[in-house]
Amino acid sequence: YTVRIGGKPEAMFGVVETMRPVVLAAMAELMEHDISLTGHALTGLMLGDLREYAGRLGSFLAPSIAARQPLSATAYDELILTHGRVLQIWQSLEHQLALHVDAPELVAAVGEARIRYFRDGLDLIARLSAEGKTGHYSVTTEQMTLQYVPTMAPLERLRDGFLDDMLAHARATRANSLHWLQLVVAFTVLIVLTNLLLLVLARRRIFRPLLQARNHIVALAEERNLDQPTRVSRHGGEIHELFAALESLRLKLRERLRLT
């Protein structure tokens, strides 16, 4: 918002206050989807408030300057209160923005804001506030606008630059999360395939030979197929020894049956 020339600024402030719940709702939805963006979202909201309150400082002065009248007590009190809010927000923001040393654009915008607004801009507001006690202003509303509005440009660049940095951070976090998700999915698929392979190998090397051994044992117990050699399993280890023992048992049973 720019400085309002003439008239009452309450209508403009009302629009801002009406839109604030929408902004807060959008911020809450953002934090619900990504809790890591909470700090960034709050900082972005404070940067928006900083620009808004900076614009209000000029709006409190503009009507009195246009009418060439002293500031009313209400306007002066609002001016002092808003000035305090601006300084308080900036004091909190400096600690948050100091963490973004890896973003040279933000560092440059912070330095420019200190000089252009918090020195030149607020000095102009302080001078006009002092002149407002008598109503003898050294500038017109147009001159004030031409002098004050440019000092707020660094605040806008700082806000926009921070939001761009936040979006870039969110995209990088999303890309990193997607990369890890792909790795987890690939690892999970590998585990599933490995388990399936192990199951197939276990069926071929353990379960199927054991079922064959069971059938041979039942046949030998019933003295069937004594003339058919037991096919010794080609598998090594205990399975091979099991089929070798069954073949030996078949030969002994056939010899006993022959002797009988």
C-alpha atoms as a PDB file:
ATOM      1  CA  TYR A   1       0.000   0.000   0.000  1.00  0.00           C
ATOM      2  CA  THR A   2       1.195   3.495  -0.755  1.00  0.00           C
ATOM      3  CA  VAL A   3       0.658   6.567   1.359  1.00  0.00           C
ATOM      4  CA  ARG A   4      -2.952   7.721   1.142  1.00  0.00           C
ATOM      5  CA  ILE A   5      -3.187  11.343   0.003  1.00  0.00           C
ATOM      6  CA  GLY A   6      -5.974  13.265   1.700  1.00  0.00           C
ATOM      7  CA  GLY A   7      -9.130  11.871   3.261  1.00  0.00           C
ATOM      8  CA  LYS A   8      -9.235   9.416   6.112  1.00  0.00           C
ATOM      9  CA  PRO A   9      -6.933   6.351   6.094  1.00  0.00           C
ATOM     10  CA  GLU A  10      -9.333   4.193   8.111  1.00  0.00           C
ATOM     11  CA  ALA A  11     -10.946   2.732   4.958  1.00  0.00           C
ATOM     12  CA  MET A  12      -7.601   1.518   3.686  1.00  0.00           C
ATOM     13  CA  PHE A  13      -6.706   0.087   7.106  1.00  0.00           C
ATOM     14  CA  GLY A  14     -10.083  -1.669   7.199  1.00  0.00           C
ATOM     15  CA  VAL A  15      -9.293  -3.489   3.967  1.00  0.00           C
ATOM     16  CA  VAL A  16      -6.005  -4.692   5.419  1.00  0.00           C
ATOM     17  CA  GLU A  17      -7.643  -5.902   8.626  1.00  0.00           C
ATOM     18  CA  THR A  18     -10.323  -7.663   6.594  1.00  0.00           C
ATOM     19  CA  MET A  19      -7.703  -9.534   4.591  1.00  0.00           C
ATOM     20  CA  ARG A  20      -5.649 -10.502   7.655  1.00  0.00           C
ATOM     21  CA  PRO A  21      -7.803 -13.558   8.577  1.00  0.00           C
ATOM     22  CA  VAL A  22      -7.366 -14.804   5.000  1.00  0.00           C
ATOM     23  CA  VAL A  23      -3.605 -14.459   5.289  1.00  0.00           C
ATOM     24  CA  LEU A  24      -3.572 -16.175   8.689  1.00  0.00           C
ATOM     25  CA  ALA A  25      -5.711 -19.024   7.354  1.00  0.00           C
ATOM     26  CA  ALA A  26      -3.354 -19.514   4.412  1.00  0.00           C
ATOM     27  CA  MET A  27      -0.376 -19.488   6.769  1.00  0.00           C
ATOM     28  CA  ALA A  28      -2.031 -22.057   9.061  1.00  0.00           C
ATOM     29  CA  GLU A  29      -2.722 -24.310   6.071  1.00  0.00           C
ATOM     30  CA  LEU A  30       0.888 -23.962   4.961  1.00  0.00           C
ATOM     31  CA  MET A  31       2.214 -24.905   8.404  1.00  0.00           C
ATOM     32  CA  GLU A  32      -0.202 -27.841   8.567  1.00  0.00           C
ATOM     33  CA  HIS A  33       1.309 -29.275   5.379  1.00  0.00           C
ATOM     34  CA  ASP A  34       4.923 -28.502   6.323  1.00  0.00           C
ATOM     35  CA  ILE A  35       5.711 -27.734   9.964  1.00  0.00           C
ATOM     36  CA  SER A  36       9.310 -26.832   9.026  1.00  0.00           C
ATOM     37  CA  LEU A  37       8.000 -23.667   7.329  1.00  0.00           C
ATOM     38  CA  THR A  38       6.472 -22.279  10.544  1.00  0.00           C
ATOM     39  CA  GLY A  39       9.376 -19.950  11.290  1.00  0.00           C
ATOM     40  CA  HIS A  40       9.565 -18.764   7.684  1.00  0.00           C
ATOM     41  CA  ALA A  41       5.814 -18.136   7.550  1.00  0.00           C
ATOM     42  CA  LEU A  42       5.850 -16.080  10.763  1.00  0.00           C
ATOM     43  CA  THR A  43       8.814 -14.063   9.530  1.00  0.00           C
ATOM     44  CA  GLY A  44       7.040 -13.424   6.227  1.00  0.00           C
ATOM     45  CA  LEU A  45       3.949 -12.263   8.109  1.00  0.00           C
ATOM     46  CA  MET A  46       6.061  -9.880  10.206  1.00  0.00           C
ATOM     47  CA  LEU A  47       7.681  -8.467   7.064  1.00  0.00           C
ATOM     48  CA  GLY A  48       4.227  -7.818   5.628  1.00  0.00           C
ATOM     49  CA  ASP A  49       3.173  -6.101   8.862  1.00  0.00           C
ATOM     50  CA  LEU A  50       6.346  -4.014   8.813  1.00  0.00           C
ATOM     51  CA  ARG A  51       5.554  -2.691   5.340  1.00  0.00           C
ATOM     52  CA  GLU A  52       1.919  -2.092   6.296  1.00  0.00           C
ATOM     53  CA  TYR A  53       2.713  -0.125   9.472  1.00  0.00           C
ATOM     54  CA  ALA A  54       5.394   1.864   7.641  1.00  0.00           C
ATOM     55  CA  GLY A  55       2.743   2.927   5.131  1.00  0.00           C
ATOM     56  CA  ARG A  56       0.388   3.850   7.939  1.00  0.00           C
ATOM     57  CA  LEU A  57       2.905   6.301   9.388  1.00  0.00           C
ATOM     58  CA  GLY A  58       2.685   8.377   6.239  1.00  0.00           C
ATOM     59  CA  SER A  59      -1.095   7.992   6.090  1.00  0.00           C
ATOM     60  CA  PHE A  60      -1.489   9.481   9.573  1.00  0.00           C
ATOM     61  CA  LEU A  61       0.432  12.592   8.495  1.00  0.00           C
ATOM     62  CA  ALA A  62      -0.995  13.072   4.984  1.00  0.00           C
ATOM     63  CA  PRO A  63      -4.455  14.473   5.903  1.00  0.00           C
ATOM     64  CA  SER A  64      -3.042  17.084   8.285  1.00  0.00           C
ATOM     65  CA  ILE A  65      -0.352  18.134   5.818  1.00  0.00           C
ATOM     66  CA  ALA A  66      -2.944  18.441   3.037  1.00  0.00           C
ATOM     67  CA  ALA A  67      -5.169  20.600   5.272  1.00  0.00           C
ATOM     68  CA  ARG A  68      -2.141  22.501   6.669  1.00  0.00           C
ATOM     69  CA  GLN A  69      -3.460  21.841  10.150  1.00  0.00           C
ATOM     70  CA  PRO A  70      -1.769  20.555  13.324  1.00  0.00           C
ATOM     71  CA  LEU A  71      -1.970  16.854  14.012  1.00  0.00           C
ATOM     72  CA  SER A  72      -4.948  15.884  16.124  1.00  0.00           C
ATOM     73  CA  ALA A  73      -4.275  14.210  19.444  1.00  0.00           C
ATOM     74  CA  THR A  74      -5.720  10.963  18.100  1.00  0.00           C
ATOM     75  CA  ALA A  75      -3.550  11.034  14.964  1.00  0.00           C
ATOM     76  CA  TYR A  76      -0.455  11.876  17.022  1.00  0.00           C
ATOM     77  CA  ASP A  77      -1.100   9.017  19.456  1.00  0.00           C
ATOM     78  CA  GLU A  78      -1.669   6.584  16.577  1.00  0.00           C
ATOM     79  CA  LEU A  79       1.507   7.841  14.953  1.00  0.00           C
ATOM     80  CA  ILE A  80       3.591   7.248  18.091  1.00  0.00           C
ATOM     81  CA  LEU A  81       2.003   3.826  18.659  1.00  0.00           C
ATOM     82  CA  THR A  82       2.583   2.729  15.062  1.00  0.00           C
ATOM     83  CA  HIS A  83       6.150   4.022  15.161  1.00  0.00           C
ATOM     84  CA  GLY A  84       6.768   1.842  18.220  1.00  0.00           C
ATOM     85  CA  ARG A  85       5.268  -1.157  16.446  1.00  0.00           C
ATOM     86  CA  VAL A  86       7.554  -0.624  13.470  1.00  0.00           C
ATOM     87  CA  LEU A  87      10.633  -0.543  15.681  1.00  0.00           C
ATOM     88  CA  GLN A  88       9.474  -3.547  17.699  1.00  0.00           C
ATOM     89  CA  ILE A  89       8.810  -5.635  14.581  1.00  0.00           C
ATOM     90  CA  TRP A  90      12.166  -4.663  13.094  1.00  0.00           C
ATOM     91  CA  GLN A  91      13.994  -5.574  16.293  1.00  0.00           C
ATOM     92  CA  SER A  92      12.444  -9.054  16.182  1.00  0.00           C
ATOM     93  CA  LEU A  93      13.066  -9.414  12.455  1.00  0.00           C
ATOM     94  CA  GLU A  94      16.757  -8.575  12.686  1.00  0.00           C
ATOM     95  CA  HIS A  95      17.354 -11.696  14.788  1.00  0.00           C
ATOM     96  CA  GLN A  96      15.430 -13.876  12.320  1.00  0.00           C
ATOM     97  CA  LEU A  97      17.000 -12.384   9.196  1.00  0.00           C
ATOM     98  CA  ALA A  98      20.495 -12.740  10.661  1.00  0.00           C
ATOM     99  CA  LEU A  99      20.071 -16.516  10.220  1.00  0.00           C
ATOM    100  CA  HIS A 100      19.867 -16.102   6.423  1.00  0.00           C
ATOM    101  CA  VAL A 101      23.527 -15.253   5.866  1.00  0.00           C
ATOM    102  CA  ASP A 102      23.561 -17.708   2.949  1.00  0.00           C
ATOM    103  CA  ALA A 103      21.182 -15.438   0.980  1.00  0.00           C
ATOM    104  CA  PRO A 104      23.198 -12.401  -0.214  1.00  0.00           C
ATOM    105  CA  GLU A 105      20.101 -10.703  -1.623  1.00  0.00           C
ATOM    106  CA  LEU A 106      18.458 -10.684   1.802  1.00  0.00           C
ATOM    107  CA  VAL A 107      21.620  -9.477   3.509  1.00  0.00           C
ATOM    108  CA  ALA A 108      21.844  -6.598   1.029  1.00  0.00           C
ATOM    109  CA  ALA A 109      18.128  -5.781   1.471  1.00  0.00           C
ATOM    110  CA  VAL A 110      18.523  -5.688   5.264  1.00  0.00           C
ATOM    111  CA  GLY A 111      21.445  -3.256   4.989  1.00  0.00           C
ATOM    112  CA  GLU A 112      19.512  -1.066   2.538  1.00  0.00           C
ATOM    113  CA  ALA A 113      16.439  -1.032   4.812  1.00  0.00           C
ATOM    114  CA  ARG A 114      18.542   0.135   7.760  1.00  0.00           C
ATOM    115  CA  ILE A 115      19.822   3.114   5.779  1.00  0.00           C
ATOM    116  CA  ARG A 116      16.930   4.021   3.501  1.00  0.00           C
ATOM    117  CA  TYR A 117      14.001   3.513   5.845  1.00  0.00           C
ATOM    118  CA  PHE A 118      15.122   3.246   9.470  1.00  0.00           C
ATOM    119  CA  ARG A 119      17.414   6.226   9.051  1.00  0.00           C
ATOM    120  CA  ASP A 120      16.099   8.414   6.220  1.00  0.00           C
ATOM    121  CA  GLY A 121      12.437   7.410   6.284  1.00  0.00           C
ATOM    122  CA  LEU A 122      11.916   7.545  10.041  1.00  0.00           C
ATOM    123  CA  ASP A 123      13.908  10.775  10.279  1.00  0.00           C
ATOM    124  CA  LEU A 124      11.430  12.314   7.828  1.00  0.00           C
ATOM    125  CA  ILE A 125       8.499  11.019   9.903  1.00  0.00           C
ATOM    126  CA  ALA A 126      10.051  12.381  13.104  1.00  0.00           C
ATOM    127  CA  ARG A 127      10.597  15.799  11.517  1.00  0.00           C
ATOM    128  CA  LEU A 128       7.046  15.981  10.154  1.00  0.00           C
ATOM    129  CA  SER A 129       5.629  14.798  13.485  1.00  0.00           C
ATOM    130  CA  ALA A 130       7.418  17.654  15.225  1.00  0.00           C
ATOM    131  CA  GLU A 131       6.094  20.090  12.620  1.00  0.00           C
ATOM    132  CA  GLY A 132       2.615  18.634  13.127  1.00  0.00           C
ATOM    133  CA  LYS A 133       2.448  20.133  16.613  1.00  0.00           C
ATOM    134  CA  THR A 134       2.250  23.610  15.096  1.00  0.00           C
ATOM    135  CA  GLY A 135       0.809  22.811  11.678  1.00  0.00           C
ATOM    136  CA  HIS A 136       3.674  24.571   9.878  1.00  0.00           C
ATOM    137  CA  TYR A 137       4.896  21.845   7.516  1.00  0.00           C
ATOM    138  CA  SER A 138       7.985  22.182   5.369  1.00  0.00           C
ATOM    139  CA  VAL A 139       6.567  19.963   2.621  1.00  0.00           C
ATOM    140  CA  THR A 140       3.342  19.376   0.766  1.00  0.00           C
ATOM    141  CA  THR A 141       1.615  15.996   0.648  1.00  0.00           C
ATOM    142  CA  GLU A 142       3.045  15.406  -2.818  1.00  0.00           C
ATOM    143  CA  GLN A 143       6.549  16.259  -1.643  1.00  0.00           C
ATOM    144  CA  MET A 144       6.147  14.052   1.418  1.00  0.00           C
ATOM    145  CA  THR A 145       5.004  11.177  -0.783  1.00  0.00           C
ATOM    146  CA  LEU A 146       7.922  11.619  -3.171  1.00  0.00           C
ATOM    147  CA  GLN A 147      10.349  11.654  -0.249  1.00  0.00           C
ATOM    148  CA  TYR A 148       8.811   8.963   1.986  1.00  0.00           C
ATOM    149  CA  VAL A 149       7.490   6.298  -0.395  1.00  0.00           C
ATOM    150  CA  PRO A 150      10.935   5.538  -1.929  1.00  0.00           C
ATOM    151  CA  THR A 151      12.315   4.870   1.552  1.00  0.00           C
ATOM    152  CA  MET A 152       9.799   2.029   1.913  1.00  0.00           C
ATOM    153  CA  ALA A 153      10.984   0.311  -1.290  1.00  0.00           C
ATOM    154  CA  PRO A 154      13.733  -1.628   0.573  1.00  0.00           C
ATOM    155  CA  LEU A 155      11.060  -3.005   2.906  1.00  0.00           C
ATOM    156  CA  GLU A 156       9.128  -4.298  -0.100  1.00  0.00           C
ATOM    157  CA  ARG A 157      12.272  -5.809  -1.626  1.00  0.00           C
ATOM    158  CA  LEU A 158      13.119  -7.364   1.710  1.00  0.00           C
ATOM    159  CA  ARG A 159       9.636  -8.888   2.008  1.00  0.00           C
ATOM    160  CA  ASP A 160       9.571 -10.156  -1.574  1.00  0.00           C
ATOM    161  CA  GLY A 161      13.137 -11.445  -1.372  1.00  0.00           C
ATOM    162  CA  PHE A 162      12.392 -13.338   1.823  1.00  0.00           C
ATOM    163  CA  LEU A 163       9.250 -14.889   0.342  1.00  0.00           C
ATOM    164  CA  ASP A 164      11.233 -15.947  -2.740  1.00  0.00           C
ATOM    165  CA  ASP A 165      13.879 -17.464  -0.488  1.00  0.00           C
ATOM    166  CA  MET A 166      11.180 -19.261   1.501  1.00  0.00           C
ATOM    167  CA  LEU A 167       9.681 -20.689  -1.690  1.00  0.00           C
ATOM    168  CA  ALA A 168      13.116 -21.795  -2.867  1.00  0.00           C
ATOM    169  CA  HIS A 169      13.710 -23.433   0.514  1.00  0.00           C
ATOM    170  CA  ALA A 170      10.339 -25.176   0.304  1.00  0.00           C
ATOM    171  CA  ARG A 171      11.066 -26.422  -3.226  1.00  0.00           C
ATOM    172  CA  ALA A 172      14.493 -27.694  -2.155  1.00  0.00           C
ATOM    173  CA  THR A 173      12.971 -29.438   0.857  1.00  0.00           C
ATOM    174  CA  ARG A 174      10.281 -30.972  -1.322  1.00  0.00           C
ATOM    175  CA  ALA A 175      12.847 -32.151  -3.877  1.00  0.00           C
ATOM    176  CA  ASN A 176      14.970 -33.641  -1.102  1.00  0.00           C
ATOM    177  CA  SER A 177      11.936 -35.358   0.431  1.00  0.00           C
ATOM    178  CA  LEU A 178      10.959 -36.698  -2.996  1.00  0.00           C
ATOM    179  CA  HIS A 179      14.491 -38.019  -3.477  1.00  0.00           C
ATOM    180  CA  TRP A 180      14.380 -39.820  -0.144  1.00  0.00           C
ATOM    181  CA  LEU A 181      10.906 -41.132  -0.925  1.00  0.00           C
ATOM    182  CA  GLN A 182      12.185 -42.584  -4.171  1.00  0.00           C
ATOM    183  CA  LEU A 183      15.086 -44.206  -2.330  1.00  0.00           C
ATOM    184  CA  VAL A 184      12.742 -45.675   0.285  1.00  0.00           C
ATOM    185  CA  VAL A 185      10.387 -46.986  -2.398  1.00  0.00           C
ATOM    186  CA  ALA A 186      13.282 -48.517  -4.334  1.00  0.00           C
ATOM    187  CA  PHE A 187      14.678 -50.081  -1.152  1.00  0.00           C
ATOM    188  CA  THR A 188      11.237 -51.438  -0.238  1.00  0.00           C
ATOM    189  CA  VAL A 189      10.793 -52.936  -3.714  1.00  0.00           C
ATOM    190  CA  LEU A 190      14.259 -54.493  -3.424  1.00  0.00           C
ATOM    191  CA  ILE A 191      13.338 -56.039  -0.070  1.00  0.00           C
ATOM    192  CA  VAL A 192      10.069 -57.414  -1.458  1.00  0.00           C
ATOM    193  CA  LEU A 193      11.811 -58.894  -4.496  1.00  0.00           C
ATOM    194  CA  THR A 194      14.507 -60.381  -2.277  1.00  0.00           C
ATOM    195  CA  ASN A 195      11.877 -61.974  -0.049  1.00  0.00           C
ATOM    196  CA  LEU A 196      10.068 -63.393  -3.096  1.00  0.00           C
ATOM    197  CA  LEU A 197      13.348 -64.811  -4.414  1.00  0.00           C
ATOM    198  CA  LEU A 198      14.124 -66.355  -1.042  1.00  0.00           C
ATOM    199  CA  LEU A 199      10.624 -67.835  -0.926  1.00  0.00           C
ATOM    200  CA  VAL A 200      11.038 -69.379  -4.384  1.00  0.00           C
ATOM    201  CA  LEU A 201      14.467 -70.762  -3.499  1.00  0.00           C
ATOM    202  CA  ALA A 202      13.164 -72.148  -0.193  1.00  0.00           C
ATOM    203  CA  ARG A 203      10.280 -73.827  -2.016  1.00  0.00           C
ATOM    204  CA  ARG A 204      12.579 -75.416  -4.590  1.00  0.00           C
ATOM    205  CA  ARG A 205      15.411 -76.397  -2.248  1.00  0.00           C
ATOM    206  CA  ILE A 206      13.593 -77.207   1.012  1.00  0.00           C
ATOM    207  CA  PHE A 207       9.819 -77.558   0.891  1.00  0.00           C
ATOM    208  CA  ARG A 208       9.536 -79.508  -2.371  1.00  0.00           C
ATOM    209  CA  PRO A 209      12.333 -81.996  -1.436  1.00  0.00           C
ATOM    210  CA  LEU A 210      10.772 -82.495   2.009  1.00  0.00           C
ATOM    211  CA  LEU A 211       7.390 -83.286   0.435  1.00  0.00           C
ATOM    212  CA  GLN A 212       9.086 -85.776  -1.893  1.00  0.00           C
ATOM    213  CA  ALA A 213      10.870 -87.324   1.080  1.00  0.00           C
ATOM    214  CA  ARG A 214       7.566 -87.607   2.920  1.00  0.00           C
ATOM    215  CA  ASN A 215       6.001 -89.460  -0.048  1.00  0.00           C
ATOM    216  CA  HIS A 216       8.977 -91.844  -0.186  1.00  0.00           C
ATOM    217  CA  ILE A 217       8.705 -92.569   3.536  1.00  0.00           C
ATOM    218  CA  VAL A 218       4.974 -93.331   3.262  1.00  0.00           C
ATOM    219  CA  ALA A 219       5.639 -95.613   0.269  1.00  0.00           C
ATOM    220  CA  LEU A 220       8.409 -97.475   2.104  1.00  0.00           C
ATOM    221  CA  ALA A 221       6.223 -97.872   5.181  1.00  0.00           C
ATOM    222  CA  GLU A 222       3.585 -99.510   2.965  1.00  0.00           C
ATOM    223  CA  GLU A 223       6.272-101.536   1.139  1.00  0.00           C
ATOM    224  CA  ARG A 224       5.388 -99.930  -2.176  1.00  0.00           C
ATOM    225  CA  ASN A 225       7.708 -99.074  -5.028  1.00  0.00           C
ATOM    226  CA  LEU A 226      10.580-101.004  -3.475  1.00  0.00           C
ATOM    227  CA  ASP A 227      11.926-101.779  -6.926  1.00  0.00           C
ATOM    228  CA  GLN A 228      12.029 -98.134  -7.945  1.00  0.00           C
ATOM    229  CA  PRO A 229      15.258 -96.440  -6.910  1.00  0.00           C
ATOM    230  CA  THR A 230      14.935 -93.340  -4.781  1.00  0.00           C
ATOM    231  CA  ARG A 231      16.150 -90.415  -6.704  1.00  0.00           C
ATOM    232  CA  VAL A 232      18.799 -88.841  -4.582  1.00  0.00           C
ATOM    233  CA  SER A 233      18.399 -85.089  -4.431  1.00  0.00           C
ATOM    234  CA  ARG A 234      21.025 -83.074  -6.186  1.00  0.00           C
ATOM    235  CA  HIS A 235      20.947 -80.555  -3.385  1.00  0.00           C
ATOM    236  CA  GLY A 236      23.799 -80.612  -0.960  1.00  0.00           C
ATOM    237  CA  GLY A 237      23.834 -80.803   2.777  1.00  0.00           C
ATOM    238  CA  GLU A 238      21.124 -82.419   4.895  1.00  0.00           C
ATOM    239  CA  ILE A 239      18.618 -82.797   2.021  1.00  0.00           C
ATOM    240  CA  HIS A 240      21.092 -84.908   0.033  1.00  0.00           C
ATOM    241  CA  GLU A 241      21.853 -87.035   3.098  1.00  0.00           C
ATOM    242  CA  LEU A 242      18.111 -87.534   3.715  1.00  0.00           C
ATOM    243  CA  PHE A 243      17.481 -88.936   0.215  1.00  0.00           C
ATOM    244  CA  ALA A 244      20.628 -91.066   0.430  1.00  0.00           C
ATOM    245  CA  ALA A 245      19.320 -92.548   3.696  1.00  0.00           C
ATOM    246  CA  LEU A 246      15.911 -93.227   2.076  1.00  0.00           C
ATOM    247  CA  GLU A 247      17.606 -95.048  -0.801  1.00  0.00           C
ATOM    248  CA  SER A 248      19.600 -97.130   1.679  1.00  0.00           C
ATOM    249  CA  LEU A 249      16.409 -97.927   3.585  1.00  0.00           C
ATOM    250  CA  ARG A 250      14.665 -98.966   0.335  1.00  0.00           C
ATOM    251  CA  LEU A 251      17.463-101.372  -0.513  1.00  0.00           C
ATOM    252  CA  LYS A 252      17.375-102.917   2.942  1.00  0.00           C
ATOM    253  CA  LEU A 253      13.585-103.282   2.889  1.00  0.00           C
ATOM    254  CA  ARG A 254      13.718-104.924  -0.545  1.00  0.00           C
ATOM    255  CA  GLU A 255      16.446-107.321   0.658  1.00  0.00           C
ATOM    256  CA  ARG A 256      14.429-108.180   3.750  1.00  0.00           C
ATOM    257  CA  LEU A 257      11.332-108.764   1.636  1.00  0.00           C
ATOM    258  CA  ARG A 258      13.353-111.016  -0.699  1.00  0.00           C
ATOM    259  CA  LEU A 259      14.722-113.045   2.211  1.00  0.00           C
ATOM    260  CA  THR A 260      11.270-113.327   3.688  1.00  0.00           C
END
